[in-house]
Amino acid sequence: MQKKTVNGVTHLVGSDNIFRDLGFPEEEAVNMLARSEMIIQIKNILDERKLTQTEAAKLLGVRQPRVSALYTGKLNDFTIDMLMKWLTILGKKVTIHIEDEDVA
């Protein structure tokens, strides 16, 4: 994170990854950000469809406590491949974008 001063007030400017800013190793921070973004998308879809947790669980082929864990933000309970599967079930096309890191 960088320090920035505006009108005499110094504050920290975060990166594009909150998990990196919190001090997680880069590999873990990237994985956690990907999972959290997918969880947000899944929750938004379920909310838009006004599904109960029981209905969502049936649609996703899991038990209701798994959906509850999703809603309570238990990030470590979910793998990227599981979340990708759920997004596909919900009618979303999931792609992965890979690029070179900026090297200064």
N, C-alpha and C. Protein backbone atom coordinates (compact mmCIF):
# COMPACT_ATOMS: atom_id res chain seq x y z
N MET A 1 0.84 -1.17 0.00
CA MET A 1 0.00 0.00 0.00
C MET A 1 0.89 1.24 0.00
N GLN A 2 0.36 2.29 -0.57
CA GLN A 2 1.09 3.54 -0.65
C GLN A 2 0.44 4.58 0.26
N LYS A 3 1.27 5.49 0.76
CA LYS A 3 0.73 6.61 1.54
C LYS A 3 0.46 7.76 0.58
N LYS A 4 -0.65 8.44 0.82
CA LYS A 4 -1.01 9.58 -0.01
C LYS A 4 -1.50 10.69 0.91
N THR A 5 -1.08 11.92 0.64
CA THR A 5 -1.50 13.06 1.45
C THR A 5 -2.37 13.97 0.61
N VAL A 6 -3.56 14.25 1.11
CA VAL A 6 -4.50 15.14 0.45
C VAL A 6 -4.95 16.17 1.48
N ASN A 7 -4.76 17.45 1.17
CA ASN A 7 -5.14 18.53 2.08
C ASN A 7 -4.57 18.34 3.48
N GLY A 8 -3.33 17.89 3.54
CA GLY A 8 -2.67 17.72 4.82
C GLY A 8 -3.02 16.46 5.58
N VAL A 9 -3.88 15.62 5.00
CA VAL A 9 -4.28 14.38 5.66
C VAL A 9 -3.63 13.22 4.92
N THR A 10 -2.88 12.41 5.67
CA THR A 10 -2.21 11.25 5.07
C THR A 10 -3.06 10.01 5.29
N HIS A 11 -3.24 9.25 4.22
CA HIS A 11 -3.99 8.00 4.31
C HIS A 11 -3.33 6.95 3.43
N LEU A 12 -3.70 5.72 3.63
CA LEU A 12 -3.15 4.62 2.84
C LEU A 12 -4.04 4.37 1.63
N VAL A 13 -3.42 4.11 0.51
CA VAL A 13 -4.14 3.78 -0.71
C VAL A 13 -3.95 2.29 -0.95
N GLY A 14 -5.05 1.55 -0.99
CA GLY A 14 -4.99 0.11 -1.17
C GLY A 14 -4.71 -0.28 -2.60
N SER A 15 -4.41 -1.54 -2.77
CA SER A 15 -4.21 -2.09 -4.11
C SER A 15 -5.55 -2.55 -4.67
N ASP A 16 -5.51 -3.32 -5.72
CA ASP A 16 -6.74 -3.87 -6.31
C ASP A 16 -7.16 -5.16 -5.62
N ASN A 17 -6.48 -5.54 -4.55
CA ASN A 17 -6.78 -6.79 -3.86
C ASN A 17 -6.71 -6.57 -2.35
N ILE A 18 -7.87 -6.56 -1.70
CA ILE A 18 -7.94 -6.33 -0.26
C ILE A 18 -7.17 -7.39 0.52
N PHE A 19 -7.13 -8.60 0.01
CA PHE A 19 -6.43 -9.67 0.73
C PHE A 19 -4.92 -9.45 0.70
N ARG A 20 -4.40 -8.91 -0.39
CA ARG A 20 -2.99 -8.53 -0.46
C ARG A 20 -2.73 -7.42 0.55
N ASP A 21 -3.63 -6.44 0.59
CA ASP A 21 -3.47 -5.32 1.51
C ASP A 21 -3.49 -5.77 2.96
N LEU A 22 -4.21 -6.86 3.24
CA LEU A 22 -4.26 -7.40 4.60
C LEU A 22 -3.05 -8.24 4.96
N GLY A 23 -2.16 -8.45 3.98
CA GLY A 23 -0.91 -9.15 4.27
C GLY A 23 -0.84 -10.60 3.88
N PHE A 24 -1.86 -11.10 3.18
CA PHE A 24 -1.80 -12.49 2.73
C PHE A 24 -0.74 -12.63 1.63
N PRO A 25 -0.08 -13.79 1.55
CA PRO A 25 0.86 -14.03 0.46
C PRO A 25 0.15 -13.88 -0.88
N GLU A 26 0.88 -13.45 -1.90
CA GLU A 26 0.29 -13.14 -3.20
C GLU A 26 -0.56 -14.27 -3.77
N GLU A 27 -0.05 -15.51 -3.73
CA GLU A 27 -0.80 -16.63 -4.30
C GLU A 27 -2.14 -16.82 -3.58
N GLU A 28 -2.12 -16.68 -2.27
CA GLU A 28 -3.33 -16.85 -1.48
C GLU A 28 -4.29 -15.67 -1.70
N ALA A 29 -3.73 -14.47 -1.78
CA ALA A 29 -4.55 -13.28 -1.98
C ALA A 29 -5.30 -13.33 -3.31
N VAL A 30 -4.64 -13.80 -4.36
CA VAL A 30 -5.28 -13.91 -5.67
C VAL A 30 -6.41 -14.93 -5.62
N ASN A 31 -6.16 -16.06 -4.99
CA ASN A 31 -7.17 -17.11 -4.87
C ASN A 31 -8.36 -16.64 -4.05
N MET A 32 -8.10 -15.98 -2.94
CA MET A 32 -9.17 -15.51 -2.08
C MET A 32 -10.02 -14.45 -2.78
N LEU A 33 -9.39 -13.57 -3.54
CA LEU A 33 -10.14 -12.56 -4.27
C LEU A 33 -11.03 -13.20 -5.32
N ALA A 34 -10.51 -14.18 -6.04
CA ALA A 34 -11.31 -14.86 -7.06
C ALA A 34 -12.51 -15.54 -6.43
N ARG A 35 -12.29 -16.25 -5.33
CA ARG A 35 -13.41 -16.93 -4.66
C ARG A 35 -14.43 -15.94 -4.13
N SER A 36 -13.97 -14.85 -3.54
CA SER A 36 -14.92 -13.88 -2.99
C SER A 36 -15.74 -13.22 -4.09
N GLU A 37 -15.13 -12.95 -5.24
CA GLU A 37 -15.89 -12.36 -6.35
C GLU A 37 -16.94 -13.34 -6.88
N MET A 38 -16.59 -14.61 -6.95
CA MET A 38 -17.57 -15.60 -7.41
C MET A 38 -18.69 -15.77 -6.40
N ILE A 39 -18.37 -15.77 -5.11
CA ILE A 39 -19.40 -15.88 -4.08
C ILE A 39 -20.37 -14.71 -4.17
N ILE A 40 -19.85 -13.52 -4.36
CA ILE A 40 -20.72 -12.34 -4.50
C ILE A 40 -21.66 -12.50 -5.68
N GLN A 41 -21.14 -12.98 -6.81
CA GLN A 41 -21.98 -13.19 -7.99
C GLN A 41 -23.08 -14.21 -7.72
N ILE A 42 -22.72 -15.31 -7.09
CA ILE A 42 -23.70 -16.36 -6.78
C ILE A 42 -24.78 -15.81 -5.86
N LYS A 43 -24.39 -15.12 -4.80
CA LYS A 43 -25.36 -14.55 -3.87
C LYS A 43 -26.28 -13.56 -4.60
N ASN A 44 -25.73 -12.74 -5.47
CA ASN A 44 -26.54 -11.78 -6.21
C ASN A 44 -27.58 -12.49 -7.09
N ILE A 45 -27.17 -13.56 -7.76
CA ILE A 45 -28.09 -14.31 -8.61
C ILE A 45 -29.21 -14.93 -7.78
N LEU A 46 -28.84 -15.56 -6.67
CA LEU A 46 -29.84 -16.18 -5.80
C LEU A 46 -30.81 -15.14 -5.25
N ASP A 47 -30.27 -13.98 -4.88
CA ASP A 47 -31.13 -12.90 -4.37
C ASP A 47 -32.06 -12.36 -5.46
N GLU A 48 -31.52 -12.18 -6.67
CA GLU A 48 -32.34 -11.69 -7.78
C GLU A 48 -33.49 -12.65 -8.08
N ARG A 49 -33.22 -13.93 -7.95
CA ARG A 49 -34.25 -14.94 -8.20
C ARG A 49 -35.16 -15.15 -7.00
N LYS A 50 -34.85 -14.48 -5.91
CA LYS A 50 -35.64 -14.56 -4.68
C LYS A 50 -35.80 -16.01 -4.19
N LEU A 51 -34.71 -16.76 -4.27
CA LEU A 51 -34.73 -18.15 -3.82
C LEU A 51 -34.45 -18.23 -2.33
N THR A 52 -35.14 -19.12 -1.66
CA THR A 52 -34.80 -19.41 -0.27
C THR A 52 -33.50 -20.22 -0.28
N GLN A 53 -32.88 -20.34 0.87
CA GLN A 53 -31.67 -21.15 0.94
C GLN A 53 -31.97 -22.60 0.60
N THR A 54 -33.13 -23.09 0.99
CA THR A 54 -33.51 -24.46 0.68
C THR A 54 -33.70 -24.64 -0.82
N GLU A 55 -34.35 -23.70 -1.47
CA GLU A 55 -34.54 -23.76 -2.92
C GLU A 55 -33.21 -23.66 -3.65
N ALA A 56 -32.35 -22.76 -3.19
CA ALA A 56 -31.03 -22.60 -3.79
C ALA A 56 -30.21 -23.88 -3.65
N ALA A 57 -30.27 -24.49 -2.49
CA ALA A 57 -29.53 -25.73 -2.25
C ALA A 57 -29.99 -26.82 -3.21
N LYS A 58 -31.29 -26.95 -3.40
CA LYS A 58 -31.82 -27.96 -4.32
C LYS A 58 -31.32 -27.70 -5.74
N LEU A 59 -31.36 -26.44 -6.16
CA LEU A 59 -30.91 -26.08 -7.50
C LEU A 59 -29.42 -26.39 -7.69
N LEU A 60 -28.63 -26.11 -6.67
CA LEU A 60 -27.17 -26.30 -6.76
C LEU A 60 -26.73 -27.73 -6.44
N GLY A 61 -27.66 -28.56 -5.98
CA GLY A 61 -27.34 -29.95 -5.70
C GLY A 61 -26.56 -30.15 -4.40
N VAL A 62 -26.82 -29.28 -3.43
CA VAL A 62 -26.16 -29.38 -2.14
C VAL A 62 -27.20 -29.29 -1.04
N ARG A 63 -26.76 -29.40 0.20
CA ARG A 63 -27.67 -29.26 1.33
C ARG A 63 -27.71 -27.80 1.76
N GLN A 64 -28.76 -27.42 2.44
CA GLN A 64 -28.97 -26.03 2.84
C GLN A 64 -27.82 -25.43 3.65
N PRO A 65 -27.16 -26.17 4.55
CA PRO A 65 -26.05 -25.56 5.29
C PRO A 65 -24.92 -25.04 4.39
N ARG A 66 -24.75 -25.65 3.21
CA ARG A 66 -23.71 -25.16 2.28
C ARG A 66 -24.09 -23.77 1.77
N VAL A 67 -25.37 -23.56 1.50
CA VAL A 67 -25.82 -22.26 1.04
C VAL A 67 -25.71 -21.25 2.18
N SER A 68 -26.02 -21.67 3.38
CA SER A 68 -25.87 -20.80 4.54
C SER A 68 -24.42 -20.36 4.70
N ALA A 69 -23.48 -21.29 4.52
CA ALA A 69 -22.05 -20.96 4.61
C ALA A 69 -21.67 -19.93 3.55
N LEU A 70 -22.28 -20.04 2.38
CA LEU A 70 -22.05 -19.07 1.31
C LEU A 70 -22.50 -17.68 1.76
N TYR A 71 -23.71 -17.62 2.31
CA TYR A 71 -24.27 -16.33 2.74
C TYR A 71 -23.56 -15.72 3.93
N THR A 72 -22.93 -16.54 4.75
CA THR A 72 -22.22 -16.00 5.92
C THR A 72 -20.75 -15.75 5.63
N GLY A 73 -20.35 -15.90 4.37
CA GLY A 73 -19.01 -15.52 3.96
C GLY A 73 -17.90 -16.44 4.41
N LYS A 74 -18.19 -17.72 4.54
CA LYS A 74 -17.16 -18.68 4.95
C LYS A 74 -16.32 -19.05 3.72
N LEU A 75 -15.47 -18.13 3.34
CA LEU A 75 -14.67 -18.21 2.12
C LEU A 75 -13.88 -19.51 2.02
N ASN A 76 -13.31 -19.96 3.12
CA ASN A 76 -12.46 -21.15 3.08
C ASN A 76 -13.23 -22.44 2.89
N ASP A 77 -14.56 -22.38 2.95
CA ASP A 77 -15.38 -23.58 2.74
C ASP A 77 -15.61 -23.88 1.26
N PHE A 78 -15.13 -23.01 0.38
CA PHE A 78 -15.44 -23.15 -1.05
C PHE A 78 -14.19 -23.12 -1.90
N THR A 79 -14.18 -24.02 -2.89
CA THR A 79 -13.07 -24.05 -3.84
C THR A 79 -13.49 -23.32 -5.12
N ILE A 80 -12.51 -22.89 -5.87
CA ILE A 80 -12.80 -22.21 -7.13
C ILE A 80 -13.59 -23.12 -8.06
N ASP A 81 -13.22 -24.40 -8.14
CA ASP A 81 -13.94 -25.28 -9.07
C ASP A 81 -15.39 -25.49 -8.65
N MET A 82 -15.67 -25.54 -7.35
CA MET A 82 -17.06 -25.67 -6.89
C MET A 82 -17.86 -24.43 -7.26
N LEU A 83 -17.28 -23.27 -7.03
CA LEU A 83 -17.98 -22.03 -7.33
C LEU A 83 -18.20 -21.87 -8.83
N MET A 84 -17.23 -22.29 -9.63
CA MET A 84 -17.40 -22.25 -11.09
C MET A 84 -18.55 -23.16 -11.52
N LYS A 85 -18.65 -24.33 -10.91
CA LYS A 85 -19.73 -25.26 -11.21
C LYS A 85 -21.08 -24.62 -10.88
N TRP A 86 -21.17 -24.00 -9.71
CA TRP A 86 -22.42 -23.37 -9.30
C TRP A 86 -22.81 -22.23 -10.24
N LEU A 87 -21.83 -21.43 -10.64
CA LEU A 87 -22.13 -20.34 -11.58
C LEU A 87 -22.65 -20.89 -12.90
N THR A 88 -22.09 -22.00 -13.34
CA THR A 88 -22.55 -22.64 -14.58
C THR A 88 -23.98 -23.13 -14.42
N ILE A 89 -24.27 -23.76 -13.29
CA ILE A 89 -25.63 -24.22 -13.01
C ILE A 89 -26.60 -23.04 -13.04
N LEU A 90 -26.14 -21.88 -12.58
CA LEU A 90 -26.98 -20.69 -12.53
C LEU A 90 -27.04 -19.95 -13.88
N GLY A 91 -26.44 -20.57 -14.90
CA GLY A 91 -26.56 -20.01 -16.25
C GLY A 91 -25.51 -18.99 -16.62
N LYS A 92 -24.41 -18.97 -15.91
CA LYS A 92 -23.34 -18.02 -16.21
C LYS A 92 -22.20 -18.70 -16.92
N LYS A 93 -21.59 -17.99 -17.83
CA LYS A 93 -20.38 -18.46 -18.51
C LYS A 93 -19.20 -17.94 -17.71
N VAL A 94 -18.33 -18.84 -17.28
CA VAL A 94 -17.18 -18.46 -16.47
C VAL A 94 -15.93 -18.56 -17.33
N THR A 95 -15.15 -17.49 -17.35
CA THR A 95 -13.89 -17.49 -18.09
C THR A 95 -12.77 -17.08 -17.14
N ILE A 96 -11.57 -17.46 -17.50
CA ILE A 96 -10.40 -17.09 -16.71
C ILE A 96 -9.51 -16.23 -17.60
N HIS A 97 -9.09 -15.11 -17.08
CA HIS A 97 -8.23 -14.18 -17.82
C HIS A 97 -6.84 -14.24 -17.21
N ILE A 98 -5.84 -14.53 -18.03
CA ILE A 98 -4.47 -14.64 -17.56
C ILE A 98 -3.61 -13.64 -18.32
N GLU A 99 -2.79 -12.90 -17.60
CA GLU A 99 -1.91 -11.94 -18.26
C GLU A 99 -0.59 -11.87 -17.51
N ASP A 100 0.42 -11.33 -18.18
CA ASP A 100 1.71 -11.14 -17.55
C ASP A 100 1.60 -10.07 -16.49
N GLU A 101 2.38 -10.22 -15.41
CA GLU A 101 2.44 -9.18 -14.39
C GLU A 101 3.23 -8.01 -14.95
N ASP A 102 2.87 -6.82 -14.49
CA ASP A 102 3.65 -5.65 -14.86
C ASP A 102 4.98 -5.73 -14.12
N VAL A 103 6.05 -5.72 -14.88
CA VAL A 103 7.38 -5.79 -14.28
C VAL A 103 8.05 -4.45 -14.48
N ALA A 104 8.38 -3.81 -13.37
CA ALA A 104 8.97 -2.47 -13.46
C ALA A 104 10.46 -2.55 -13.65
